[in-house]
Structures are given as C-alpha cells and as structure tokens.
Amino acid sequence: ARVAAVTTPSTVADPLANAATVIEAARRCDAQGVAVAVFPEL
C-alpha cells in the first residue's frame, strides 16, 4: 500500500489558506495512488 508523509507551508491562523494547501497536496497524492496521506499536527 502506498503511503505519504506530507508537510505543507503553513499560514499562521488562516485555516482556509491551510485547507487550500492540503487540497493541493491531496491531488498530488491521489494522482500517485496514495492510500494514506499524513499531514502535520494542527
């Protein structure tokens, strides 16, 4: 099973901006056939 450990540029106290980076990374993981993608704390 393909897994991914993902770190994204964080925007301090801006959840919608952070959601956008999560979504962009999720698209990359989906394209690569990743089963489980793990992001940083908070």
All heavy atoms as atom14 arrays in JSON, in Angstrom:
{
  "sequence": "ARVAAVTTPSTVADPLANAATVIEAARRCDAQGVAVAVFPEL",
  "atom14_mask": [
    [1, 1, 1, 1, 1, 0, 0, 0, 0, 0, 0, 0, 0, 0],
    [1, 1, 1, 1, 1, 1, 1, 1, 1, 1, 1, 0, 0, 0],
    [1, 1, 1, 1, 1, 1, 1, 0, 0, 0, 0, 0, 0, 0],
    [1, 1, 1, 1, 1, 0, 0, 0, 0, 0, 0, 0, 0, 0],
    [1, 1, 1, 1, 1, 0, 0, 0, 0, 0, 0, 0, 0, 0],
    [1, 1, 1, 1, 1, 1, 1, 0, 0, 0, 0, 0, 0, 0],
    [1, 1, 1, 1, 1, 1, 1, 0, 0, 0, 0, 0, 0, 0],
    [1, 1, 1, 1, 1, 1, 1, 0, 0, 0, 0, 0, 0, 0],
    [1, 1, 1, 1, 1, 1, 1, 0, 0, 0, 0, 0, 0, 0],
    [1, 1, 1, 1, 1, 1, 0, 0, 0, 0, 0, 0, 0, 0],
    [1, 1, 1, 1, 1, 1, 1, 0, 0, 0, 0, 0, 0, 0],
    [1, 1, 1, 1, 1, 1, 1, 0, 0, 0, 0, 0, 0, 0],
    [1, 1, 1, 1, 1, 0, 0, 0, 0, 0, 0, 0, 0, 0],
    [1, 1, 1, 1, 1, 1, 1, 1, 0, 0, 0, 0, 0, 0],
    [1, 1, 1, 1, 1, 1, 1, 0, 0, 0, 0, 0, 0, 0],
    [1, 1, 1, 1, 1, 1, 1, 1, 0, 0, 0, 0, 0, 0],
    [1, 1, 1, 1, 1, 0, 0, 0, 0, 0, 0, 0, 0, 0],
    [1, 1, 1, 1, 1, 1, 1, 1, 0, 0, 0, 0, 0, 0],
    [1, 1, 1, 1, 1, 0, 0, 0, 0, 0, 0, 0, 0, 0],
    [1, 1, 1, 1, 1, 0, 0, 0, 0, 0, 0, 0, 0, 0],
    [1, 1, 1, 1, 1, 1, 1, 0, 0, 0, 0, 0, 0, 0],
    [1, 1, 1, 1, 1, 1, 1, 0, 0, 0, 0, 0, 0, 0],
    [1, 1, 1, 1, 1, 1, 1, 1, 0, 0, 0, 0, 0, 0],
    [1, 1, 1, 1, 1, 1, 1, 1, 1, 0, 0, 0, 0, 0],
    [1, 1, 1, 1, 1, 0, 0, 0, 0, 0, 0, 0, 0, 0],
    [1, 1, 1, 1, 1, 0, 0, 0, 0, 0, 0, 0, 0, 0],
    [1, 1, 1, 1, 1, 1, 1, 1, 1, 1, 1, 0, 0, 0],
    [1, 1, 1, 1, 1, 1, 1, 1, 1, 1, 1, 0, 0, 0],
    [1, 1, 1, 1, 1, 1, 0, 0, 0, 0, 0, 0, 0, 0],
    [1, 1, 1, 1, 1, 1, 1, 1, 0, 0, 0, 0, 0, 0],
    [1, 1, 1, 1, 1, 0, 0, 0, 0, 0, 0, 0, 0, 0],
    [1, 1, 1, 1, 1, 1, 1, 1, 1, 0, 0, 0, 0, 0],
    [1, 1, 1, 1, 0, 0, 0, 0, 0, 0, 0, 0, 0, 0],
    [1, 1, 1, 1, 1, 1, 1, 0, 0, 0, 0, 0, 0, 0],
    [1, 1, 1, 1, 1, 0, 0, 0, 0, 0, 0, 0, 0, 0],
    [1, 1, 1, 1, 1, 1, 1, 0, 0, 0, 0, 0, 0, 0],
    [1, 1, 1, 1, 1, 0, 0, 0, 0, 0, 0, 0, 0, 0],
    [1, 1, 1, 1, 1, 1, 1, 0, 0, 0, 0, 0, 0, 0],
    [1, 1, 1, 1, 1, 1, 1, 1, 1, 1, 1, 0, 0, 0],
    [1, 1, 1, 1, 1, 1, 1, 0, 0, 0, 0, 0, 0, 0],
    [1, 1, 1, 1, 1, 1, 1, 1, 1, 0, 0, 0, 0, 0],
    [1, 1, 1, 1, 1, 1, 1, 1, 0, 0, 0, 0, 0, 0]
  ],
  "atom14_positions": [
    [[0.86, -1.18, 0.0], [0.0, 0.0, 0.0], [0.89, 1.23, 0.0], [1.9, 1.27, 0.71], [-0.92, 0.02, 1.21], [0.0, 0.0, 0.0], [0.0, 0.0, 0.0], [0.0, 0.0, 0.0], [0.0, 0.0, 0.0], [0.0, 0.0, 0.0], [0.0, 0.0, 0.0], [0.0, 0.0, 0.0], [0.0, 0.0, 0.0], [0.0, 0.0, 0.0]],
    [[0.52, 2.2, -0.79], [1.32, 3.43, -0.89], [0.88, 4.42, 0.18], [-0.31, 4.69, 0.34], [1.19, 4.04, -2.28], [2.01, 5.29, -2.49], [2.24, 5.56, -3.96], [3.14, 4.56, -4.53], [3.46, 4.5, -5.83], [2.96, 5.37, -6.69], [4.28, 3.56, -6.26], [0.0, 0.0, 0.0], [0.0, 0.0, 0.0], [0.0, 0.0, 0.0]],
    [[1.84, 4.94, 0.92], [1.58, 5.94, 1.95], [2.42, 7.17, 1.68], [3.41, 7.11, 0.94], [1.88, 5.39, 3.36], [1.02, 4.17, 3.68], [3.36, 5.06, 3.52], [0.0, 0.0, 0.0], [0.0, 0.0, 0.0], [0.0, 0.0, 0.0], [0.0, 0.0, 0.0], [0.0, 0.0, 0.0], [0.0, 0.0, 0.0], [0.0, 0.0, 0.0]],
    [[2.0, 8.27, 2.28], [2.74, 9.52, 2.09], [2.8, 10.3, 3.39], [1.8, 10.4, 4.12], [2.1, 10.37, 0.99], [0.0, 0.0, 0.0], [0.0, 0.0, 0.0], [0.0, 0.0, 0.0], [0.0, 0.0, 0.0], [0.0, 0.0, 0.0], [0.0, 0.0, 0.0], [0.0, 0.0, 0.0], [0.0, 0.0, 0.0], [0.0, 0.0, 0.0]],
    [[3.98, 10.83, 3.7], [4.14, 11.78, 4.79], [4.27, 13.16, 4.14], [5.17, 13.37, 3.32], [5.39, 11.46, 5.61], [0.0, 0.0, 0.0], [0.0, 0.0, 0.0], [0.0, 0.0, 0.0], [0.0, 0.0, 0.0], [0.0, 0.0, 0.0], [0.0, 0.0, 0.0], [0.0, 0.0, 0.0], [0.0, 0.0, 0.0], [0.0, 0.0, 0.0]],
    [[3.38, 14.06, 4.49], [3.27, 15.33, 3.78], [3.51, 16.49, 4.74], [2.92, 16.53, 5.83], [1.88, 15.5, 3.14], [1.8, 16.78, 2.32], [1.52, 14.29, 2.29], [0.0, 0.0, 0.0], [0.0, 0.0, 0.0], [0.0, 0.0, 0.0], [0.0, 0.0, 0.0], [0.0, 0.0, 0.0], [0.0, 0.0, 0.0], [0.0, 0.0, 0.0]],
    [[4.36, 17.41, 4.35], [4.48, 18.66, 5.09], [4.16, 19.8, 4.13], [4.62, 19.8, 2.98], [5.87, 18.83, 5.73], [5.88, 19.99, 6.56], [6.97, 18.93, 4.7], [0.0, 0.0, 0.0], [0.0, 0.0, 0.0], [0.0, 0.0, 0.0], [0.0, 0.0, 0.0], [0.0, 0.0, 0.0], [0.0, 0.0, 0.0], [0.0, 0.0, 0.0]],
    [[3.34, 20.72, 4.58], [2.87, 21.82, 3.73], [3.27, 23.16, 4.34], [3.37, 23.29, 5.57], [1.34, 21.78, 3.6], [0.76, 21.76, 4.9], [0.89, 20.54, 2.84], [0.0, 0.0, 0.0], [0.0, 0.0, 0.0], [0.0, 0.0, 0.0], [0.0, 0.0, 0.0], [0.0, 0.0, 0.0], [0.0, 0.0, 0.0], [0.0, 0.0, 0.0]],
    [[3.48, 24.17, 3.51], [3.7, 25.51, 4.06], [2.47, 25.95, 4.85], [1.34, 25.86, 4.37], [3.89, 26.38, 2.81], [4.29, 25.42, 1.74], [3.57, 24.15, 2.05], [0.0, 0.0, 0.0], [0.0, 0.0, 0.0], [0.0, 0.0, 0.0], [0.0, 0.0, 0.0], [0.0, 0.0, 0.0], [0.0, 0.0, 0.0], [0.0, 0.0, 0.0]],
    [[2.68, 26.36, 6.06], [1.57, 26.75, 6.93], [1.37, 28.26, 6.9], [2.33, 29.03, 6.77], [1.86, 26.3, 8.37], [0.8, 26.67, 9.23], [0.0, 0.0, 0.0], [0.0, 0.0, 0.0], [0.0, 0.0, 0.0], [0.0, 0.0, 0.0], [0.0, 0.0, 0.0], [0.0, 0.0, 0.0], [0.0, 0.0, 0.0], [0.0, 0.0, 0.0]],
    [[0.13, 28.66, 6.99], [-0.2, 30.08, 7.14], [-0.75, 30.27, 8.54], [-1.76, 29.65, 8.91], [-1.24, 30.54, 6.11], [-0.73, 30.25, 4.8], [-1.5, 32.03, 6.23], [0.0, 0.0, 0.0], [0.0, 0.0, 0.0], [0.0, 0.0, 0.0], [0.0, 0.0, 0.0], [0.0, 0.0, 0.0], [0.0, 0.0, 0.0], [0.0, 0.0, 0.0]],
    [[-0.1, 31.09, 9.34], [-0.45, 31.23, 10.75], [-1.89, 31.7, 10.9], [-2.3, 32.73, 10.34], [0.51, 32.22, 11.45], [0.04, 32.5, 12.88], [1.93, 31.65, 11.46], [0.0, 0.0, 0.0], [0.0, 0.0, 0.0], [0.0, 0.0, 0.0], [0.0, 0.0, 0.0], [0.0, 0.0, 0.0], [0.0, 0.0, 0.0], [0.0, 0.0, 0.0]],
    [[-2.68, 30.88, 11.61], [-4.05, 31.24, 11.98], [-4.92, 31.59, 10.78], [-5.79, 32.45, 10.86], [-4.05, 32.39, 12.98], [0.0, 0.0, 0.0], [0.0, 0.0, 0.0], [0.0, 0.0, 0.0], [0.0, 0.0, 0.0], [0.0, 0.0, 0.0], [0.0, 0.0, 0.0], [0.0, 0.0, 0.0], [0.0, 0.0, 0.0], [0.0, 0.0, 0.0]],
    [[-4.73, 30.89, 9.67], [-5.57, 31.09, 8.49], [-6.01, 29.72, 7.97], [-5.44, 29.17, 7.02], [-4.79, 31.84, 7.41], [-5.68, 32.3, 6.27], [-6.8, 31.75, 6.12], [-5.26, 33.19, 5.5], [0.0, 0.0, 0.0], [0.0, 0.0, 0.0], [0.0, 0.0, 0.0], [0.0, 0.0, 0.0], [0.0, 0.0, 0.0], [0.0, 0.0, 0.0]],
    [[-7.04, 29.14, 8.57], [-7.46, 27.78, 8.23], [-7.82, 27.58, 6.76], [-7.49, 26.54, 6.18], [-8.66, 27.54, 9.13], [-8.39, 28.39, 10.34], [-7.78, 29.64, 9.77], [0.0, 0.0, 0.0], [0.0, 0.0, 0.0], [0.0, 0.0, 0.0], [0.0, 0.0, 0.0], [0.0, 0.0, 0.0], [0.0, 0.0, 0.0], [0.0, 0.0, 0.0]],
    [[-8.48, 28.54, 6.12], [-8.86, 28.35, 4.73], [-7.63, 28.32, 3.82], [-7.58, 27.55, 2.85], [-9.82, 29.45, 4.29], [-11.25, 29.31, 4.85], [-12.1, 30.51, 4.47], [-11.9, 28.02, 4.35], [0.0, 0.0, 0.0], [0.0, 0.0, 0.0], [0.0, 0.0, 0.0], [0.0, 0.0, 0.0], [0.0, 0.0, 0.0], [0.0, 0.0, 0.0]],
    [[-6.64, 29.14, 4.12], [-5.4, 29.09, 3.34], [-4.71, 27.74, 3.53], [-4.19, 27.15, 2.57], [-4.47, 30.23, 3.76], [0.0, 0.0, 0.0], [0.0, 0.0, 0.0], [0.0, 0.0, 0.0], [0.0, 0.0, 0.0], [0.0, 0.0, 0.0], [0.0, 0.0, 0.0], [0.0, 0.0, 0.0], [0.0, 0.0, 0.0], [0.0, 0.0, 0.0]],
    [[-4.72, 27.25, 4.75], [-4.11, 25.95, 5.01], [-4.89, 24.82, 4.35], [-4.32, 23.85, 3.86], [-4.0, 25.7, 6.52], [-2.98, 26.63, 7.17], [-1.96, 26.97, 6.57], [-3.26, 27.07, 8.39], [0.0, 0.0, 0.0], [0.0, 0.0, 0.0], [0.0, 0.0, 0.0], [0.0, 0.0, 0.0], [0.0, 0.0, 0.0], [0.0, 0.0, 0.0]],
    [[-6.21, 24.96, 4.3], [-7.03, 23.96, 3.62], [-6.68, 23.89, 2.14], [-6.64, 22.81, 1.54], [-8.51, 24.28, 3.8], [0.0, 0.0, 0.0], [0.0, 0.0, 0.0], [0.0, 0.0, 0.0], [0.0, 0.0, 0.0], [0.0, 0.0, 0.0], [0.0, 0.0, 0.0], [0.0, 0.0, 0.0], [0.0, 0.0, 0.0], [0.0, 0.0, 0.0]],
    [[-6.39, 25.03, 1.56], [-6.04, 25.06, 0.13], [-4.75, 24.28, -0.12], [-4.63, 23.57, -1.14], [-5.9, 26.51, -0.34], [0.0, 0.0, 0.0], [0.0, 0.0, 0.0], [0.0, 0.0, 0.0], [0.0, 0.0, 0.0], [0.0, 0.0, 0.0], [0.0, 0.0, 0.0], [0.0, 0.0, 0.0], [0.0, 0.0, 0.0], [0.0, 0.0, 0.0]],
    [[-3.78, 24.41, 0.78], [-2.53, 23.66, 0.59], [-2.75, 22.16, 0.8], [-2.14, 21.33, 0.13], [-1.42, 24.15, 1.55], [-1.83, 23.94, 2.9], [-1.13, 25.63, 1.33], [0.0, 0.0, 0.0], [0.0, 0.0, 0.0], [0.0, 0.0, 0.0], [0.0, 0.0, 0.0], [0.0, 0.0, 0.0], [0.0, 0.0, 0.0], [0.0, 0.0, 0.0]],
    [[-3.63, 21.81, 1.73], [-3.97, 20.4, 1.95], [-4.62, 19.83, 0.69], [-4.29, 18.72, 0.24], [-4.89, 20.24, 3.17], [-5.47, 18.82, 3.22], [-4.14, 20.54, 4.46], [0.0, 0.0, 0.0], [0.0, 0.0, 0.0], [0.0, 0.0, 0.0], [0.0, 0.0, 0.0], [0.0, 0.0, 0.0], [0.0, 0.0, 0.0], [0.0, 0.0, 0.0]],
    [[-5.53, 20.56, 0.11], [-6.24, 20.09, -1.09], [-5.27, 19.9, -2.25], [-5.33, 18.91, -2.99], [-7.37, 21.07, -1.45], [-8.45, 21.04, -0.36], [-7.96, 20.74, -2.82], [-9.44, 22.19, -0.44], [0.0, 0.0, 0.0], [0.0, 0.0, 0.0], [0.0, 0.0, 0.0], [0.0, 0.0, 0.0], [0.0, 0.0, 0.0], [0.0, 0.0, 0.0]],
    [[-4.35, 20.85, -2.41], [-3.36, 20.74, -3.48], [-2.49, 19.5, -3.28], [-2.22, 18.76, -4.23], [-2.49, 22.0, -3.52], [-1.46, 22.04, -4.63], [-0.13, 21.4, -4.26], [0.2, 21.39, -3.06], [0.57, 20.88, -5.17], [0.0, 0.0, 0.0], [0.0, 0.0, 0.0], [0.0, 0.0, 0.0], [0.0, 0.0, 0.0], [0.0, 0.0, 0.0]],
    [[-2.07, 19.26, -2.04], [-1.26, 18.07, -1.75], [-2.07, 16.79, -1.94], [-1.55, 15.77, -2.42], [-0.71, 18.14, -0.33], [0.0, 0.0, 0.0], [0.0, 0.0, 0.0], [0.0, 0.0, 0.0], [0.0, 0.0, 0.0], [0.0, 0.0, 0.0], [0.0, 0.0, 0.0], [0.0, 0.0, 0.0], [0.0, 0.0, 0.0], [0.0, 0.0, 0.0]],
    [[-3.35, 16.84, -1.57], [-4.22, 15.68, -1.73], [-4.36, 15.3, -3.2], [-4.41, 14.11, -3.54], [-5.6, 15.96, -1.12], [0.0, 0.0, 0.0], [0.0, 0.0, 0.0], [0.0, 0.0, 0.0], [0.0, 0.0, 0.0], [0.0, 0.0, 0.0], [0.0, 0.0, 0.0], [0.0, 0.0, 0.0], [0.0, 0.0, 0.0], [0.0, 0.0, 0.0]],
    [[-4.42, 16.29, -4.07], [-4.5, 16.0, -5.51], [-3.23, 15.26, -5.97], [-3.3, 14.32, -6.77], [-4.67, 17.3, -6.3], [-6.03, 17.96, -6.12], [-6.27, 19.03, -7.18], [-7.55, 19.68, -6.98], [-7.73, 20.87, -6.4], [-6.66, 21.56, -5.98], [-8.93, 21.37, -6.26], [0.0, 0.0, 0.0], [0.0, 0.0, 0.0], [0.0, 0.0, 0.0]],
    [[-2.1, 15.7, -5.48], [-0.84, 15.03, -5.83], [-0.84, 13.59, -5.34], [-0.41, 12.67, -6.04], [0.35, 15.81, -5.26], [0.61, 17.13, -5.95], [1.68, 17.95, -5.23], [2.95, 17.25, -5.08], [4.02, 17.77, -4.47], [3.95, 19.01, -3.96], [5.14, 17.09, -4.38], [0.0, 0.0, 0.0], [0.0, 0.0, 0.0], [0.0, 0.0, 0.0]],
    [[-1.3, 13.39, -4.12], [-1.35, 12.04, -3.55], [-2.31, 11.16, -4.34], [-2.03, 9.98, -4.61], [-1.76, 12.1, -2.08], [-0.52, 12.85, -0.99], [0.0, 0.0, 0.0], [0.0, 0.0, 0.0], [0.0, 0.0, 0.0], [0.0, 0.0, 0.0], [0.0, 0.0, 0.0], [0.0, 0.0, 0.0], [0.0, 0.0, 0.0], [0.0, 0.0, 0.0]],
    [[-3.45, 11.71, -4.7], [-4.44, 10.96, -5.46], [-3.85, 10.52, -6.8], [-4.01, 9.37, -7.24], [-5.68, 11.82, -5.68], [-6.74, 11.12, -6.53], [-7.27, 10.09, -6.08], [-7.01, 11.59, -7.65], [0.0, 0.0, 0.0], [0.0, 0.0, 0.0], [0.0, 0.0, 0.0], [0.0, 0.0, 0.0], [0.0, 0.0, 0.0], [0.0, 0.0, 0.0]],
    [[-3.15, 11.42, -7.46], [-2.55, 11.11, -8.77], [-1.5, 10.01, -8.66], [-1.28, 9.25, -9.62], [-1.94, 12.37, -9.37], [0.0, 0.0, 0.0], [0.0, 0.0, 0.0], [0.0, 0.0, 0.0], [0.0, 0.0, 0.0], [0.0, 0.0, 0.0], [0.0, 0.0, 0.0], [0.0, 0.0, 0.0], [0.0, 0.0, 0.0], [0.0, 0.0, 0.0]],
    [[-0.85, 9.91, -7.51], [0.21, 8.91, -7.32], [-0.31, 7.6, -6.73], [0.47, 6.69, -6.49], [1.3, 9.48, -6.41], [2.06, 10.65, -7.01], [3.16, 11.13, -6.07], [4.14, 10.43, -5.83], [3.0, 12.33, -5.54], [0.0, 0.0, 0.0], [0.0, 0.0, 0.0], [0.0, 0.0, 0.0], [0.0, 0.0, 0.0], [0.0, 0.0, 0.0]],
    [[-1.62, 7.52, -6.49], [-2.18, 6.28, -5.97], [-1.92, 6.06, -4.5], [-1.85, 4.91, -4.04], [0.0, 0.0, 0.0], [0.0, 0.0, 0.0], [0.0, 0.0, 0.0], [0.0, 0.0, 0.0], [0.0, 0.0, 0.0], [0.0, 0.0, 0.0], [0.0, 0.0, 0.0], [0.0, 0.0, 0.0], [0.0, 0.0, 0.0], [0.0, 0.0, 0.0]],
    [[-1.8, 7.13, -3.73], [-1.52, 7.03, -2.29], [-2.77, 6.59, -1.53], [-3.85, 7.16, -1.71], [-1.01, 8.38, -1.74], [-0.96, 8.37, -0.22], [0.36, 8.7, -2.34], [0.0, 0.0, 0.0], [0.0, 0.0, 0.0], [0.0, 0.0, 0.0], [0.0, 0.0, 0.0], [0.0, 0.0, 0.0], [0.0, 0.0, 0.0], [0.0, 0.0, 0.0]],
    [[-2.62, 5.6, -0.67], [-3.74, 5.12, 0.14], [-3.95, 5.98, 1.38], [-5.08, 6.29, 1.74], [-3.51, 3.67, 0.55], [0.0, 0.0, 0.0], [0.0, 0.0, 0.0], [0.0, 0.0, 0.0], [0.0, 0.0, 0.0], [0.0, 0.0, 0.0], [0.0, 0.0, 0.0], [0.0, 0.0, 0.0], [0.0, 0.0, 0.0], [0.0, 0.0, 0.0]],
    [[-2.85, 6.34, 2.05], [-2.93, 7.11, 3.3], [-1.92, 8.24, 3.25], [-0.73, 7.99, 3.01], [-2.65, 6.22, 4.53], [-2.75, 7.04, 5.82], [-3.61, 5.04, 4.59], [0.0, 0.0, 0.0], [0.0, 0.0, 0.0], [0.0, 0.0, 0.0], [0.0, 0.0, 0.0], [0.0, 0.0, 0.0], [0.0, 0.0, 0.0], [0.0, 0.0, 0.0]],
    [[-2.39, 9.47, 3.45], [-1.51, 10.65, 3.44], [-1.6, 11.34, 4.78], [-2.69, 11.69, 5.24], [-1.9, 11.61, 2.32], [0.0, 0.0, 0.0], [0.0, 0.0, 0.0], [0.0, 0.0, 0.0], [0.0, 0.0, 0.0], [0.0, 0.0, 0.0], [0.0, 0.0, 0.0], [0.0, 0.0, 0.0], [0.0, 0.0, 0.0], [0.0, 0.0, 0.0]],
    [[-0.45, 11.55, 5.42], [-0.39, 12.08, 6.78], [0.19, 13.5, 6.75], [1.25, 13.73, 6.17], [0.48, 11.18, 7.68], [0.46, 11.69, 9.11], [0.0, 9.74, 7.6], [0.0, 0.0, 0.0], [0.0, 0.0, 0.0], [0.0, 0.0, 0.0], [0.0, 0.0, 0.0], [0.0, 0.0, 0.0], [0.0, 0.0, 0.0], [0.0, 0.0, 0.0]],
    [[-0.52, 14.44, 7.4], [-0.12, 15.84, 7.44], [0.36, 16.2, 8.85], [0.16, 15.43, 9.8], [-1.29, 16.73, 7.04], [-1.66, 16.61, 5.57], [-2.4, 15.53, 5.11], [-1.26, 17.57, 4.66], [-2.74, 15.41, 3.76], [-1.58, 17.47, 3.32], [-2.32, 16.39, 2.87], [0.0, 0.0, 0.0], [0.0, 0.0, 0.0], [0.0, 0.0, 0.0]],
    [[0.98, 17.37, 9.03], [1.5, 17.74, 10.36], [0.4, 18.03, 11.38], [-0.78, 18.2, 11.06], [2.32, 19.0, 10.06], [2.62, 18.95, 8.61], [1.43, 18.3, 7.99], [0.0, 0.0, 0.0], [0.0, 0.0, 0.0], [0.0, 0.0, 0.0], [0.0, 0.0, 0.0], [0.0, 0.0, 0.0], [0.0, 0.0, 0.0], [0.0, 0.0, 0.0]],
    [[0.82, 18.1, 12.6], [-0.04, 18.42, 13.73], [-0.68, 19.8, 13.54], [-0.03, 20.75, 13.09], [0.81, 18.4, 15.01], [0.05, 18.6, 16.3], [0.96, 18.45, 17.51], [2.2, 18.33, 17.33], [0.44, 18.44, 18.64], [0.0, 0.0, 0.0], [0.0, 0.0, 0.0], [0.0, 0.0, 0.0], [0.0, 0.0, 0.0], [0.0, 0.0, 0.0]],
    [[-1.97, 19.88, 13.86], [-2.72, 21.14, 13.74], [-2.53, 21.77, 12.35], [-2.28, 22.97, 12.21], [-2.31, 22.11, 14.85], [-2.65, 21.64, 16.28], [-2.1, 22.61, 17.31], [-4.14, 21.44, 16.46], [0.0, 0.0, 0.0], [0.0, 0.0, 0.0], [0.0, 0.0, 0.0], [0.0, 0.0, 0.0], [0.0, 0.0, 0.0], [0.0, 0.0, 0.0]]
  ]
}
